[in-house]
PDB file of N, CA and C in Angstrom:
ATOM      1  N   UNK A   1       0.616  -1.015   0.156  1.00  0.00           N
ATOM      2  CA  UNK A   1       0.359  -0.078   0.191  1.00  0.00           C
ATOM      3  C   UNK A   1       1.196   1.397   0.074  1.00  0.00           C
ATOM      4  N   UNK A   2       2.228   1.227   0.806  1.00  0.00           N
ATOM      5  CA  UNK A   2       2.685   2.519   0.661  1.00  0.00           C
ATOM      6  C   UNK A   2       3.295   2.655  -0.454  1.00  0.00           C
ATOM      7  N   UNK A   3       3.521   1.632  -1.375  1.00  0.00           N
ATOM      8  CA  UNK A   3       4.605   1.277  -2.500  1.00  0.00           C
ATOM      9  C   UNK A   3       4.355   2.468  -3.354  1.00  0.00           C
ATOM     10  N   UNK A   4       2.864   2.686  -3.664  1.00  0.00           N
ATOM     11  CA  UNK A   4       2.404   3.746  -4.782  1.00  0.00           C
ATOM     12  C   UNK A   4       2.481   5.247  -4.261  1.00  0.00           C
ATOM     13  N   UNK A   5       2.287   5.307  -3.094  1.00  0.00           N
ATOM     14  CA  UNK A   5       2.320   6.602  -2.197  1.00  0.00           C
ATOM     15  C   UNK A   5       3.911   7.095  -2.395  1.00  0.00           C
ATOM     16  N   UNK A   6       4.677   6.085  -2.132  1.00  0.00           N
ATOM     17  CA  UNK A   6       6.243   6.645  -2.022  1.00  0.00           C
ATOM     18  C   UNK A   6       6.813   7.321  -3.625  1.00  0.00           C
ATOM     19  N   UNK A   7       6.076   6.161  -4.755  1.00  0.00           N
ATOM     20  CA  UNK A   7       6.340   6.406  -6.403  1.00  0.00           C
ATOM     21  C   UNK A   7       5.624   8.148  -6.240  1.00  0.00           C
ATOM     22  N   UNK A   8       4.464   8.197  -6.187  1.00  0.00           N
ATOM     23  CA  UNK A   8       3.625   9.383  -6.493  1.00  0.00           C
ATOM     24  C   UNK A   8       4.716  10.292  -5.546  1.00  0.00           C
ATOM     25  N   UNK A   9       4.889  10.262  -4.624  1.00  0.00           N
ATOM     26  CA  UNK A   9       5.849  11.458  -3.704  1.00  0.00           C
ATOM     27  C   UNK A   9       7.232  11.526  -4.504  1.00  0.00           C
ATOM     28  N   UNK A  10       7.824  10.624  -5.092  1.00  0.00           N
ATOM     29  CA  UNK A  10       9.209  10.380  -5.784  1.00  0.00           C
ATOM     30  C   UNK A  10       9.109  11.133  -7.328  1.00  0.00           C
ATOM     31  N   UNK A  11       7.708  10.609  -7.901  1.00  0.00           N
ATOM     32  CA  UNK A  11       7.198  11.316  -9.211  1.00  0.00           C
ATOM     33  C   UNK A  11       7.492  12.792  -8.941  1.00  0.00           C
ATOM     34  N   UNK A  12       6.821  13.337  -8.168  1.00  0.00           N
ATOM     35  CA  UNK A  12       6.590  14.680  -7.901  1.00  0.00           C
ATOM     36  C   UNK A  12       7.564  15.180  -7.794  1.00  0.00           C
ATOM     37  N   UNK A  13       8.498  15.052  -7.132  1.00  0.00           N
ATOM     38  CA  UNK A  13      10.217  15.383  -6.536  1.00  0.00           C
ATOM     39  C   UNK A  13      10.685  15.496  -7.666  1.00  0.00           C
ATOM     40  N   UNK A  14      10.727  14.297  -8.556  1.00  0.00           N
ATOM     41  CA  UNK A  14      12.155  14.040  -9.659  1.00  0.00           C
ATOM     42  C   UNK A  14      11.170  15.024 -11.094  1.00  0.00           C
ATOM     43  N   UNK A  15       9.859  15.264 -10.929  1.00  0.00           N
ATOM     44  CA  UNK A  15       9.676  15.359 -12.385  1.00  0.00           C
ATOM     45  C   UNK A  15       8.766  16.355 -12.097  1.00  0.00           C
ATOM     46  N   UNK A  16       7.939  16.812 -11.286  1.00  0.00           N
ATOM     47  CA  UNK A  16       6.772  17.981 -11.019  1.00  0.00           C
ATOM     48  C   UNK A  16       7.707  19.274 -10.772  1.00  0.00           C
ATOM     49  N   UNK A  17       8.436  19.091  -9.612  1.00  0.00           N
ATOM     50  CA  UNK A  17       9.436  20.077  -9.048  1.00  0.00           C
ATOM     51  C   UNK A  17      10.114  20.909 -10.120  1.00  0.00           C
ATOM     52  N   UNK A  18      10.991  20.252 -10.755  1.00  0.00           N
ATOM     53  CA  UNK A  18      11.688  20.498 -11.590  1.00  0.00           C
ATOM     54  C   UNK A  18      11.266  21.125 -12.840  1.00  0.00           C
ATOM     55  N   UNK A  19      10.185  20.369 -13.304  1.00  0.00           N
ATOM     56  CA  UNK A  19       9.778  21.269 -14.357  1.00  0.00           C
ATOM     57  C   UNK A  19       8.693  22.583 -13.992  1.00  0.00           C
ATOM     58  N   UNK A  20       8.311  22.641 -12.939  1.00  0.00           N
ATOM     59  CA  UNK A  20       7.582  24.277 -12.534  1.00  0.00           C
ATOM     60  C   UNK A  20       8.966  25.059 -12.175  1.00  0.00           C
ATOM     61  N   UNK A  21       9.963  24.172 -11.834  1.00  0.00           N
ATOM     62  CA  UNK A  21      11.069  25.588 -11.564  1.00  0.00           C
ATOM     63  C   UNK A  21      11.973  25.965 -12.844  1.00  0.00           C
ATOM     64  N   UNK A  22      11.916  24.888 -13.782  1.00  0.00           N
ATOM     65  CA  UNK A  22      12.504  25.641 -14.998  1.00  0.00           C
ATOM     66  C   UNK A  22      11.259  26.356 -15.793  1.00  0.00           C
ATOM     67  N   UNK A  23      10.195  26.054 -15.667  1.00  0.00           N
ATOM     68  CA  UNK A  23       9.159  26.937 -16.147  1.00  0.00           C
ATOM     69  C   UNK A  23       9.317  28.243 -15.574  1.00  0.00           C
ATOM     70  N   UNK A  24       9.332  28.436 -14.162  1.00  0.00           N
ATOM     71  CA  UNK A  24       9.527  29.676 -13.617  1.00  0.00           C
ATOM     72  C   UNK A  24      10.380  30.498 -13.925  1.00  0.00           C
ATOM     73  N   UNK A  25      11.545  29.810 -13.817  1.00  0.00           N
ATOM     74  CA  UNK A  25      12.982  30.410 -14.388  1.00  0.00           C
ATOM     75  C   UNK A  25      12.473  31.063 -15.957  1.00  0.00           C
ATOM     76  N   UNK A  26      12.211  30.442 -16.606  1.00  0.00           N
ATOM     77  CA  UNK A  26      12.067  30.565 -18.135  1.00  0.00           C
ATOM     78  C   UNK A  26      10.859  31.887 -18.211  1.00  0.00           C
ATOM     79  N   UNK A  27      10.086  32.019 -17.726  1.00  0.00           N
ATOM     80  CA  UNK A  27       8.983  32.694 -17.675  1.00  0.00           C
ATOM     81  C   UNK A  27       9.455  34.075 -17.438  1.00  0.00           C
ATOM     82  N   UNK A  28      10.381  33.562 -16.197  1.00  0.00           N
ATOM     83  CA  UNK A  28      11.352  35.148 -15.430  1.00  0.00           C
ATOM     84  C   UNK A  28      12.035  35.710 -16.546  1.00  0.00           C
ATOM     85  N   UNK A  29      13.406  34.907 -17.110  1.00  0.00           N
ATOM     86  CA  UNK A  29      14.065  35.152 -17.978  1.00  0.00           C
ATOM     87  C   UNK A  29      13.323  36.161 -19.714  1.00  0.00           C
ATOM     88  N   UNK A  30      12.127  35.376 -19.732  1.00  0.00           N
ATOM     89  CA  UNK A  30      11.368  36.232 -21.121  1.00  0.00           C
ATOM     90  C   UNK A  30      11.093  37.459 -20.644  1.00  0.00           C
ATOM     91  N   UNK A  31      10.457  37.650 -19.374  1.00  0.00           N
ATOM     92  CA  UNK A  31       9.973  38.934 -19.242  1.00  0.00           C
ATOM     93  C   UNK A  31      11.250  39.939 -18.856  1.00  0.00           C
ATOM     94  N   UNK A  32      11.939  39.114 -17.949  1.00  0.00           N
ATOM     95  CA  UNK A  32      13.278  40.135 -17.981  1.00  0.00           C
ATOM     96  C   UNK A  32      13.895  40.571 -19.231  1.00  0.00           C
ATOM     97  N   UNK A  33      13.936  39.590 -20.289  1.00  0.00           N
ATOM     98  CA  UNK A  33      14.719  40.190 -21.407  1.00  0.00           C
ATOM     99  C   UNK A  33      13.814  41.297 -22.306  1.00  0.00           C
ATOM    100  N   UNK A  34      12.106  41.129 -22.106  1.00  0.00           N
ATOM    101  CA  UNK A  34      11.981  42.126 -22.524  1.00  0.00           C
ATOM    102  C   UNK A  34      11.740  43.414 -21.917  1.00  0.00           C
ATOM    103  N   UNK A  35      11.681  43.404 -20.932  1.00  0.00           N
ATOM    104  CA  UNK A  35      12.307  44.525 -20.134  1.00  0.00           C
ATOM    105  C   UNK A  35      13.028  45.048 -20.349  1.00  0.00           C
ATOM    106  N   UNK A  36      14.120  44.447 -20.367  1.00  0.00           N
ATOM    107  CA  UNK A  36      15.833  45.113 -20.823  1.00  0.00           C
ATOM    108  C   UNK A  36      15.436  45.663 -22.238  1.00  0.00           C
ATOM    109  N   UNK A  37      14.812  44.947 -23.064  1.00  0.00           N
ATOM    110  CA  UNK A  37      14.488  45.457 -24.274  1.00  0.00           C
ATOM    111  C   UNK A  37      13.919  46.593 -24.679  1.00  0.00           C
ATOM    112  N   UNK A  38      12.929  46.703 -23.698  1.00  0.00           N
ATOM    113  CA  UNK A  38      11.972  48.243 -23.583  1.00  0.00           C
ATOM    114  C   UNK A  38      12.786  49.104 -23.146  1.00  0.00           C
ATOM    115  N   UNK A  39      13.652  48.939 -22.196  1.00  0.00           N
ATOM    116  CA  UNK A  39      14.385  49.914 -21.522  1.00  0.00           C
ATOM    117  C   UNK A  39      15.315  50.515 -22.533  1.00  0.00           C
ATOM    118  N   UNK A  40      16.189  49.351 -23.345  1.00  0.00           N
ATOM    119  CA  UNK A  40      17.553  50.163 -23.934  1.00  0.00           C
ATOM    120  C   UNK A  40      16.649  50.573 -24.917  1.00  0.00           C
ATOM    121  N   UNK A  41      15.399  50.412 -25.612  1.00  0.00           N
ATOM    122  CA  UNK A  41      14.981  51.011 -26.956  1.00  0.00           C
ATOM    123  C   UNK A  41      14.625  52.673 -26.177  1.00  0.00           C
ATOM    124  N   UNK A  42      14.058  52.384 -25.154  1.00  0.00           N
ATOM    125  CA  UNK A  42      13.220  53.898 -24.681  1.00  0.00           C
ATOM    126  C   UNK A  42      14.421  54.602 -24.487  1.00  0.00           C
ATOM    127  N   UNK A  43      15.517  54.161 -24.086  1.00  0.00           N
ATOM    128  CA  UNK A  43      17.263  55.104 -23.843  1.00  0.00           C
ATOM    129  C   UNK A  43      17.568  55.625 -25.166  1.00  0.00           C
ATOM    130  N   UNK A  44      17.344  54.824 -26.204  1.00  0.00           N
ATOM    131  CA  UNK A  44      18.107  55.566 -27.286  1.00  0.00           C
ATOM    132  C   UNK A  44      17.230  56.592 -27.923  1.00  0.00           C
ATOM    133  N   UNK A  45      15.648  56.597 -27.556  1.00  0.00           N
ATOM    134  CA  UNK A  45      15.014  57.434 -28.290  1.00  0.00           C
ATOM    135  C   UNK A  45      15.558  59.129 -28.030  1.00  0.00           C
ATOM    136  N   UNK A  46      15.984  59.393 -26.464  1.00  0.00           N
ATOM    137  CA  UNK A  46      16.563  61.048 -26.219  1.00  0.00           C
ATOM    138  C   UNK A  46      17.644  61.314 -27.198  1.00  0.00           C
ATOM    139  N   UNK A  47      18.432  60.365 -27.296  1.00  0.00           N
ATOM    140  CA  UNK A  47      19.633  60.810 -28.100  1.00  0.00           C
ATOM    141  C   UNK A  47      19.637  60.992 -29.567  1.00  0.00           C
ATOM    142  N   UNK A  48      18.880  60.269 -29.712  1.00  0.00           N
ATOM    143  CA  UNK A  48      18.411  60.230 -31.372  1.00  0.00           C
ATOM    144  C   UNK A  48      17.500  61.465 -31.482  1.00  0.00           C
ATOM    145  N   UNK A  49      16.445  61.779 -30.682  1.00  0.00           N
ATOM    146  CA  UNK A  49      15.688  63.317 -30.718  1.00  0.00           C
ATOM    147  C   UNK A  49      16.876  64.515 -30.473  1.00  0.00           C
ATOM    148  N   UNK A  50      17.650  64.449 -29.681  1.00  0.00           N
ATOM    149  CA  UNK A  50      18.681  65.320 -29.629  1.00  0.00           C
ATOM    150  C   UNK A  50      19.562  65.547 -30.806  1.00  0.00           C
ATOM    151  N   UNK A  51      19.948  64.404 -31.436  1.00  0.00           N
ATOM    152  CA  UNK A  51      20.848  64.351 -32.781  1.00  0.00           C
ATOM    153  C   UNK A  51      19.985  64.914 -33.653  1.00  0.00           C
ATOM    154  N   UNK A  52      18.731  64.608 -34.038  1.00  0.00           N
ATOM    155  CA  UNK A  52      18.020  65.081 -35.171  1.00  0.00           C
ATOM    156  C   UNK A  52      17.748  66.449 -35.002  1.00  0.00           C
ATOM    157  N   UNK A  53      17.447  67.194 -33.498  1.00  0.00           N
ATOM    158  CA  UNK A  53      17.266  68.345 -33.508  1.00  0.00           C
ATOM    159  C   UNK A  53      18.869  69.325 -33.501  1.00  0.00           C
ATOM    160  N   UNK A  54      19.654  68.910 -33.304  1.00  0.00           N
ATOM    161  CA  UNK A  54      20.992  69.632 -33.215  1.00  0.00           C
ATOM    162  C   UNK A  54      21.288  69.323 -34.848  1.00  0.00           C
ATOM    163  N   UNK A  55      21.430  68.458 -35.436  1.00  0.00           N
ATOM    164  CA  UNK A  55      21.546  68.556 -37.108  1.00  0.00           C
ATOM    165  C   UNK A  55      20.515  69.435 -37.878  1.00  0.00           C
ATOM    166  N   UNK A  56      19.344  69.395 -37.423  1.00  0.00           N
ATOM    167  CA  UNK A  56      18.218  70.748 -38.120  1.00  0.00           C
ATOM    168  C   UNK A  56      18.783  71.781 -37.717  1.00  0.00           C
ATOM    169  N   UNK A  57      18.905  71.953 -36.727  1.00  0.00           N
ATOM    170  CA  UNK A  57      19.527  73.584 -36.246  1.00  0.00           C
ATOM    171  C   UNK A  57      20.961  73.940 -37.070  1.00  0.00           C
ATOM    172  N   UNK A  58      22.054  72.888 -37.423  1.00  0.00           N
ATOM    173  CA  UNK A  58      23.385  73.356 -38.039  1.00  0.00           C
ATOM    174  C   UNK A  58      22.491  73.414 -39.371  1.00  0.00           C
ATOM    175  N   UNK A  59      22.094  73.051 -39.958  1.00  0.00           N
ATOM    176  CA  UNK A  59      21.462  72.875 -41.133  1.00  0.00           C
ATOM    177  C   UNK A  59      20.859  74.069 -41.344  1.00  0.00           C
ATOM    178  N   UNK A  60      19.783  74.299 -40.613  1.00  0.00           N
ATOM    179  CA  UNK A  60      19.205  75.777 -40.764  1.00  0.00           C
ATOM    180  C   UNK A  60      19.982  77.153 -40.719  1.00  0.00           C
ATOM    181  N   UNK A  61      21.452  76.960 -39.573  1.00  0.00           N
ATOM    182  CA  UNK A  61      21.936  78.175 -39.637  1.00  0.00           C
ATOM    183  C   UNK A  61      22.799  78.067 -41.040  1.00  0.00           C
ATOM    184  N   UNK A  62      23.395  76.856 -41.252  1.00  0.00           N
ATOM    185  CA  UNK A  62      24.078  77.036 -42.546  1.00  0.00           C
ATOM    186  C   UNK A  62      23.130  77.238 -43.734  1.00  0.00           C
ATOM    187  N   UNK A  63      22.230  77.163 -44.105  1.00  0.00           N
ATOM    188  CA  UNK A  63      21.141  77.989 -45.096  1.00  0.00           C
ATOM    189  C   UNK A  63      20.971  79.230 -45.137  1.00  0.00           C
ATOM    190  N   UNK A  64      20.937  79.729 -43.701  1.00  0.00           N
ATOM    191  CA  UNK A  64      20.837  81.174 -43.272  1.00  0.00           C
ATOM    192  C   UNK A  64      22.248  81.807 -43.495  1.00  0.00           C
ATOM    193  N   UNK A  65      22.955  81.269 -43.281  1.00  0.00           N
ATOM    194  CA  UNK A  65      24.350  81.986 -43.681  1.00  0.00           C
ATOM    195  C   UNK A  65      24.701  81.731 -45.218  1.00  0.00           C
ATOM    196  N   UNK A  66      24.136  80.920 -46.018  1.00  0.00           N
ATOM    197  CA  UNK A  66      24.523  80.447 -47.112  1.00  0.00           C
ATOM    198  C   UNK A  66      23.760  81.743 -48.215  1.00  0.00           C
ATOM    199  N   UNK A  67      22.211  81.662 -47.479  1.00  0.00           N
ATOM    200  CA  UNK A  67      21.494  82.598 -48.663  1.00  0.00           C
ATOM    201  C   UNK A  67      21.509  84.225 -47.925  1.00  0.00           C
ATOM    202  N   UNK A  68      22.092  84.137 -46.802  1.00  0.00           N
ATOM    203  CA  UNK A  68      22.002  85.669 -46.529  1.00  0.00           C
ATOM    204  C   UNK A  68      22.756  86.934 -47.604  1.00  0.00           C
ATOM    205  N   UNK A  69      24.103  86.447 -47.901  1.00  0.00           N
ATOM    206  CA  UNK A  69      24.504  87.289 -49.356  1.00  0.00           C
ATOM    207  C   UNK A  69      24.106  86.997 -50.502  1.00  0.00           C
ATOM    208  N   UNK A  70      23.312  86.094 -50.716  1.00  0.00           N
ATOM    209  CA  UNK A  70      22.729  85.967 -51.940  1.00  0.00           C
ATOM    210  C   UNK A  70      22.221  87.057 -52.717  1.00  0.00           C
ATOM    211  N   UNK A  71      21.244  87.833 -51.905  1.00  0.00           N
ATOM    212  CA  UNK A  71      20.833  89.173 -52.503  1.00  0.00           C
ATOM    213  C   UNK A  71      21.799  90.141 -52.726  1.00  0.00           C
ATOM    214  N   UNK A  72      23.147  90.119 -52.298  1.00  0.00           N
ATOM    215  CA  UNK A  72      23.843  91.458 -52.554  1.00  0.00           C
ATOM    216  C   UNK A  72      24.799  91.128 -53.875  1.00  0.00           C
ATOM    217  N   UNK A  73      24.690  89.893 -54.540  1.00  0.00           N
ATOM    218  CA  UNK A  73      25.265  89.645 -55.582  1.00  0.00           C
ATOM    219  C   UNK A  73      24.780  90.096 -56.934  1.00  0.00           C
ATOM    220  N   UNK A  74      23.438  90.319 -57.320  1.00  0.00           N
ATOM    221  CA  UNK A  74      22.284  90.640 -58.000  1.00  0.00           C
ATOM    222  C   UNK A  74      22.467  92.304 -58.174  1.00  0.00           C
TER     223      UNK A  74
END
């Protein structure tokens, strides 16, 4: 009678516990990876926006300097 109970307990210990443990670790790893990807993606937006703004300002200043003397040539 006690043999099947022992087999059930051992089956749970050797199969179900490790299966649930690795499942939890895998789920945690996937969610931490998604979180890190989101943080890195959001962190790159600010420098990209600043670079676009700076480039636009430099372009506008260069165009302004170049076109400033155009009217005097005529």
